[in-house]
PDB file of N, CA and C in Angstrom:
ATOM      1  N   UNK A   1      -0.562   1.430 -13.395  1.00  0.00           N
ATOM      2  CA  UNK A   1       0.527   1.231 -12.210  1.00  0.00           C
ATOM      3  C   UNK A   1       1.549   2.233 -13.316  1.00  0.00           C
ATOM      4  N   UNK A   2       2.394   3.019 -12.225  1.00  0.00           N
ATOM      5  CA  UNK A   2       3.392   3.861 -12.993  1.00  0.00           C
ATOM      6  C   UNK A   2       4.825   2.847 -13.378  1.00  0.00           C
ATOM      7  N   UNK A   3       5.503   3.143 -13.669  1.00  0.00           N
ATOM      8  CA  UNK A   3       7.029   1.979 -14.125  1.00  0.00           C
ATOM      9  C   UNK A   3       7.664   2.360 -12.922  1.00  0.00           C
ATOM     10  N   UNK A   4       8.208   1.598 -12.267  1.00  0.00           N
ATOM     11  CA  UNK A   4       9.428   1.836 -11.273  1.00  0.00           C
ATOM     12  C   UNK A   4      10.634   1.159 -12.083  1.00  0.00           C
ATOM     13  N   UNK A   5      12.019   1.811 -11.287  1.00  0.00           N
ATOM     14  CA  UNK A   5      13.373   1.655 -11.826  1.00  0.00           C
ATOM     15  C   UNK A   5      13.998   1.224 -10.328  1.00  0.00           C
ATOM     16  N   UNK A   6      14.588   0.076 -10.525  1.00  0.00           N
ATOM     17  CA  UNK A   6      15.269  -0.598  -9.170  1.00  0.00           C
ATOM     18  C   UNK A   6      16.819  -0.095  -9.653  1.00  0.00           C
ATOM     19  N   UNK A   7      17.478  -0.207  -8.236  1.00  0.00           N
ATOM     20  CA  UNK A   7      18.656  -0.347  -8.015  1.00  0.00           C
ATOM     21  C   UNK A   7      19.802  -0.570  -9.005  1.00  0.00           C
ATOM     22  N   UNK A   8      18.947  -1.556  -9.956  1.00  0.00           N
ATOM     23  CA  UNK A   8      20.418  -2.449 -11.225  1.00  0.00           C
ATOM     24  C   UNK A   8      20.310  -1.428 -12.037  1.00  0.00           C
ATOM     25  N   UNK A   9      19.704  -0.353 -12.229  1.00  0.00           N
ATOM     26  CA  UNK A   9      19.562   0.356 -13.261  1.00  0.00           C
ATOM     27  C   UNK A   9      21.220   1.020 -13.516  1.00  0.00           C
ATOM     28  N   UNK A  10      21.536   0.514 -14.902  1.00  0.00           N
ATOM     29  CA  UNK A  10      22.917   1.080 -15.098  1.00  0.00           C
ATOM     30  C   UNK A  10      23.297   2.370 -15.650  1.00  0.00           C
ATOM     31  N   UNK A  11      22.136   3.061 -15.799  1.00  0.00           N
ATOM     32  CA  UNK A  11      21.932   4.342 -16.766  1.00  0.00           C
ATOM     33  C   UNK A  11      22.369   4.147 -18.288  1.00  0.00           C
ATOM     34  N   UNK A  12      21.903   3.299 -18.937  1.00  0.00           N
ATOM     35  CA  UNK A  12      22.220   3.166 -20.435  1.00  0.00           C
ATOM     36  C   UNK A  12      21.441   4.163 -21.369  1.00  0.00           C
ATOM     37  N   UNK A  13      20.180   4.279 -20.502  1.00  0.00           N
ATOM     38  CA  UNK A  13      19.379   5.610 -21.427  1.00  0.00           C
ATOM     39  C   UNK A  13      18.237   4.801 -22.265  1.00  0.00           C
ATOM     40  N   UNK A  14      18.515   3.720 -22.638  1.00  0.00           N
ATOM     41  CA  UNK A  14      17.594   3.121 -23.397  1.00  0.00           C
ATOM     42  C   UNK A  14      16.372   3.381 -23.246  1.00  0.00           C
ATOM     43  N   UNK A  15      15.745   3.343 -21.653  1.00  0.00           N
ATOM     44  CA  UNK A  15      14.363   3.603 -21.754  1.00  0.00           C
ATOM     45  C   UNK A  15      13.599   4.984 -21.937  1.00  0.00           C
ATOM     46  N   UNK A  16      14.878   6.150 -21.848  1.00  0.00           N
ATOM     47  CA  UNK A  16      14.546   7.319 -22.117  1.00  0.00           C
ATOM     48  C   UNK A  16      13.745   7.687 -23.342  1.00  0.00           C
ATOM     49  N   UNK A  17      14.837   6.611 -24.535  1.00  0.00           N
ATOM     50  CA  UNK A  17      14.322   7.161 -25.826  1.00  0.00           C
ATOM     51  C   UNK A  17      13.332   6.235 -26.281  1.00  0.00           C
ATOM     52  N   UNK A  18      12.917   5.073 -25.426  1.00  0.00           N
ATOM     53  CA  UNK A  18      11.489   4.110 -25.528  1.00  0.00           C
ATOM     54  C   UNK A  18      10.574   5.011 -25.017  1.00  0.00           C
ATOM     55  N   UNK A  19      10.605   5.840 -24.460  1.00  0.00           N
ATOM     56  CA  UNK A  19       9.204   6.345 -23.847  1.00  0.00           C
ATOM     57  C   UNK A  19       8.642   7.314 -24.715  1.00  0.00           C
ATOM     58  N   UNK A  20       7.167   7.085 -24.705  1.00  0.00           N
ATOM     59  CA  UNK A  20       7.139   8.127 -26.345  1.00  0.00           C
ATOM     60  C   UNK A  20       6.176   9.018 -25.194  1.00  0.00           C
ATOM     61  N   UNK A  21       5.902   9.531 -23.734  1.00  0.00           N
ATOM     62  CA  UNK A  21       5.628  10.631 -23.574  1.00  0.00           C
ATOM     63  C   UNK A  21       6.951  11.367 -23.007  1.00  0.00           C
ATOM     64  N   UNK A  22       7.997  10.731 -22.916  1.00  0.00           N
ATOM     65  CA  UNK A  22       9.022  11.475 -22.377  1.00  0.00           C
ATOM     66  C   UNK A  22       8.804  11.734 -20.610  1.00  0.00           C
ATOM     67  N   UNK A  23       8.668  10.407 -20.335  1.00  0.00           N
ATOM     68  CA  UNK A  23       8.442  10.766 -18.549  1.00  0.00           C
ATOM     69  C   UNK A  23       9.629  10.036 -17.915  1.00  0.00           C
ATOM     70  N   UNK A  24      10.720   9.759 -18.178  1.00  0.00           N
ATOM     71  CA  UNK A  24      11.650   9.145 -17.953  1.00  0.00           C
ATOM     72  C   UNK A  24      12.841  10.530 -18.297  1.00  0.00           C
ATOM     73  N   UNK A  25      13.646  10.365 -17.059  1.00  0.00           N
ATOM     74  CA  UNK A  25      14.743  11.231 -17.317  1.00  0.00           C
ATOM     75  C   UNK A  25      15.909  10.644 -16.296  1.00  0.00           C
ATOM     76  N   UNK A  26      16.997  11.220 -16.667  1.00  0.00           N
ATOM     77  CA  UNK A  26      17.923  10.270 -15.633  1.00  0.00           C
ATOM     78  C   UNK A  26      18.881  11.424 -14.800  1.00  0.00           C
ATOM     79  N   UNK A  27      18.923  11.271 -13.657  1.00  0.00           N
ATOM     80  CA  UNK A  27      19.201  11.625 -12.141  1.00  0.00           C
ATOM     81  C   UNK A  27      20.177  10.984 -11.562  1.00  0.00           C
ATOM     82  N   UNK A  28      21.683  11.630 -11.750  1.00  0.00           N
ATOM     83  CA  UNK A  28      22.726  11.066 -10.996  1.00  0.00           C
ATOM     84  C   UNK A  28      22.927   9.662 -11.510  1.00  0.00           C
ATOM     85  N   UNK A  29      22.698   9.598 -12.966  1.00  0.00           N
ATOM     86  CA  UNK A  29      23.342   8.447 -13.675  1.00  0.00           C
ATOM     87  C   UNK A  29      22.019   7.144 -13.467  1.00  0.00           C
ATOM     88  N   UNK A  30      21.109   7.529 -12.843  1.00  0.00           N
ATOM     89  CA  UNK A  30      20.212   6.344 -13.134  1.00  0.00           C
ATOM     90  C   UNK A  30      18.814   6.970 -13.708  1.00  0.00           C
ATOM     91  N   UNK A  31      17.604   6.056 -14.302  1.00  0.00           N
ATOM     92  CA  UNK A  31      16.359   6.764 -14.813  1.00  0.00           C
ATOM     93  C   UNK A  31      15.574   6.811 -13.611  1.00  0.00           C
ATOM     94  N   UNK A  32      14.709   7.724 -13.800  1.00  0.00           N
ATOM     95  CA  UNK A  32      13.696   8.344 -12.665  1.00  0.00           C
ATOM     96  C   UNK A  32      12.516   8.447 -13.697  1.00  0.00           C
ATOM     97  N   UNK A  33      11.442   7.753 -13.178  1.00  0.00           N
ATOM     98  CA  UNK A  33       9.991   8.020 -13.956  1.00  0.00           C
ATOM     99  C   UNK A  33       9.235   8.858 -13.213  1.00  0.00           C
ATOM    100  N   UNK A  34       8.935   9.945 -13.829  1.00  0.00           N
ATOM    101  CA  UNK A  34       8.166  11.064 -13.380  1.00  0.00           C
ATOM    102  C   UNK A  34       6.802  10.253 -13.702  1.00  0.00           C
ATOM    103  N   UNK A  35       6.194   9.789 -12.301  1.00  0.00           N
ATOM    104  CA  UNK A  35       4.718   8.899 -11.951  1.00  0.00           C
ATOM    105  C   UNK A  35       3.476   9.901 -12.644  1.00  0.00           C
ATOM    106  N   UNK A  36       3.681  11.055 -12.617  1.00  0.00           N
ATOM    107  CA  UNK A  36       2.372  11.865 -13.275  1.00  0.00           C
ATOM    108  C   UNK A  36       2.368  11.498 -14.482  1.00  0.00           C
ATOM    109  N   UNK A  37       3.452  12.094 -15.271  1.00  0.00           N
ATOM    110  CA  UNK A  37       3.670  12.012 -16.998  1.00  0.00           C
ATOM    111  C   UNK A  37       3.681  10.563 -17.537  1.00  0.00           C
ATOM    112  N   UNK A  38       3.796   9.716 -16.505  1.00  0.00           N
ATOM    113  CA  UNK A  38       3.611   7.982 -17.082  1.00  0.00           C
ATOM    114  C   UNK A  38       2.427   7.814 -17.690  1.00  0.00           C
ATOM    115  N   UNK A  39       2.443   6.965 -18.765  1.00  0.00           N
ATOM    116  CA  UNK A  39       0.906   6.217 -19.036  1.00  0.00           C
ATOM    117  C   UNK A  39       1.052   4.919 -18.797  1.00  0.00           C
ATOM    118  N   UNK A  40       1.741   4.361 -18.235  1.00  0.00           N
ATOM    119  CA  UNK A  40       1.846   2.804 -18.125  1.00  0.00           C
ATOM    120  C   UNK A  40       1.638   1.897 -19.186  1.00  0.00           C
ATOM    121  N   UNK A  41       2.180   2.344 -20.069  1.00  0.00           N
ATOM    122  CA  UNK A  41       2.440   1.743 -21.601  1.00  0.00           C
ATOM    123  C   UNK A  41       3.197   0.603 -21.677  1.00  0.00           C
ATOM    124  N   UNK A  42       4.406   0.505 -20.534  1.00  0.00           N
ATOM    125  CA  UNK A  42       5.337  -0.491 -20.887  1.00  0.00           C
ATOM    126  C   UNK A  42       6.622  -0.618 -21.747  1.00  0.00           C
ATOM    127  N   UNK A  43       6.499   0.474 -22.313  1.00  0.00           N
ATOM    128  CA  UNK A  43       7.770   0.242 -23.593  1.00  0.00           C
ATOM    129  C   UNK A  43       8.807   0.580 -22.904  1.00  0.00           C
ATOM    130  N   UNK A  44       9.283   1.049 -21.716  1.00  0.00           N
ATOM    131  CA  UNK A  44      10.382   1.190 -21.140  1.00  0.00           C
ATOM    132  C   UNK A  44      10.797  -0.314 -20.606  1.00  0.00           C
ATOM    133  N   UNK A  45      10.022  -1.144 -20.064  1.00  0.00           N
ATOM    134  CA  UNK A  45      10.278  -2.427 -19.909  1.00  0.00           C
ATOM    135  C   UNK A  45      10.907  -3.351 -20.518  1.00  0.00           C
ATOM    136  N   UNK A  46      10.331  -3.346 -21.616  1.00  0.00           N
ATOM    137  CA  UNK A  46      11.017  -4.057 -22.593  1.00  0.00           C
ATOM    138  C   UNK A  46      12.275  -3.779 -23.045  1.00  0.00           C
ATOM    139  N   UNK A  47      12.482  -2.357 -23.050  1.00  0.00           N
ATOM    140  CA  UNK A  47      13.905  -1.897 -23.531  1.00  0.00           C
ATOM    141  C   UNK A  47      15.226  -1.819 -22.608  1.00  0.00           C
ATOM    142  N   UNK A  48      14.750  -2.014 -21.027  1.00  0.00           N
ATOM    143  CA  UNK A  48      15.831  -2.359 -20.291  1.00  0.00           C
ATOM    144  C   UNK A  48      16.526  -3.806 -20.308  1.00  0.00           C
ATOM    145  N   UNK A  49      17.936  -3.527 -20.588  1.00  0.00           N
ATOM    146  CA  UNK A  49      18.717  -4.544 -20.961  1.00  0.00           C
ATOM    147  C   UNK A  49      19.158  -5.322 -19.367  1.00  0.00           C
ATOM    148  N   UNK A  50      18.760  -4.558 -18.430  1.00  0.00           N
ATOM    149  CA  UNK A  50      19.196  -5.378 -17.122  1.00  0.00           C
ATOM    150  C   UNK A  50      18.062  -5.601 -16.495  1.00  0.00           C
ATOM    151  N   UNK A  51      16.850  -5.284 -16.849  1.00  0.00           N
ATOM    152  CA  UNK A  51      15.494  -5.498 -16.200  1.00  0.00           C
ATOM    153  C   UNK A  51      15.520  -4.911 -14.675  1.00  0.00           C
ATOM    154  N   UNK A  52      15.677  -3.955 -14.889  1.00  0.00           N
ATOM    155  CA  UNK A  52      16.134  -2.734 -14.205  1.00  0.00           C
ATOM    156  C   UNK A  52      14.267  -2.067 -13.904  1.00  0.00           C
ATOM    157  N   UNK A  53      13.439  -2.214 -14.948  1.00  0.00           N
ATOM    158  CA  UNK A  53      11.854  -1.465 -14.489  1.00  0.00           C
ATOM    159  C   UNK A  53      10.967  -2.198 -14.690  1.00  0.00           C
ATOM    160  N   UNK A  54      10.175  -2.175 -13.823  1.00  0.00           N
ATOM    161  CA  UNK A  54       8.977  -2.878 -13.953  1.00  0.00           C
ATOM    162  C   UNK A  54       7.467  -2.466 -13.619  1.00  0.00           C
ATOM    163  N   UNK A  55       6.560  -2.540 -13.900  1.00  0.00           N
ATOM    164  CA  UNK A  55       5.147  -1.853 -13.800  1.00  0.00           C
ATOM    165  C   UNK A  55       5.036  -2.114 -12.139  1.00  0.00           C
ATOM    166  N   UNK A  56       4.768  -1.043 -11.445  1.00  0.00           N
ATOM    167  CA  UNK A  56       4.570  -1.094 -10.076  1.00  0.00           C
ATOM    168  C   UNK A  56       2.591  -1.447  -9.927  1.00  0.00           C
TER     169      UNK A  56
END
């Protein structure tokens, strides 16, 4: 299942650089995961300092 970003995202962009397939972009100061590009690796989950990302 693709990653899901909650409202607690602070916009730090740590997940953007952690994503090996560039499936995460920043929109209006928050991370957004493109579900079609996400490969379910979970790399972004471990990089988020506020635990805003979970695997759906």
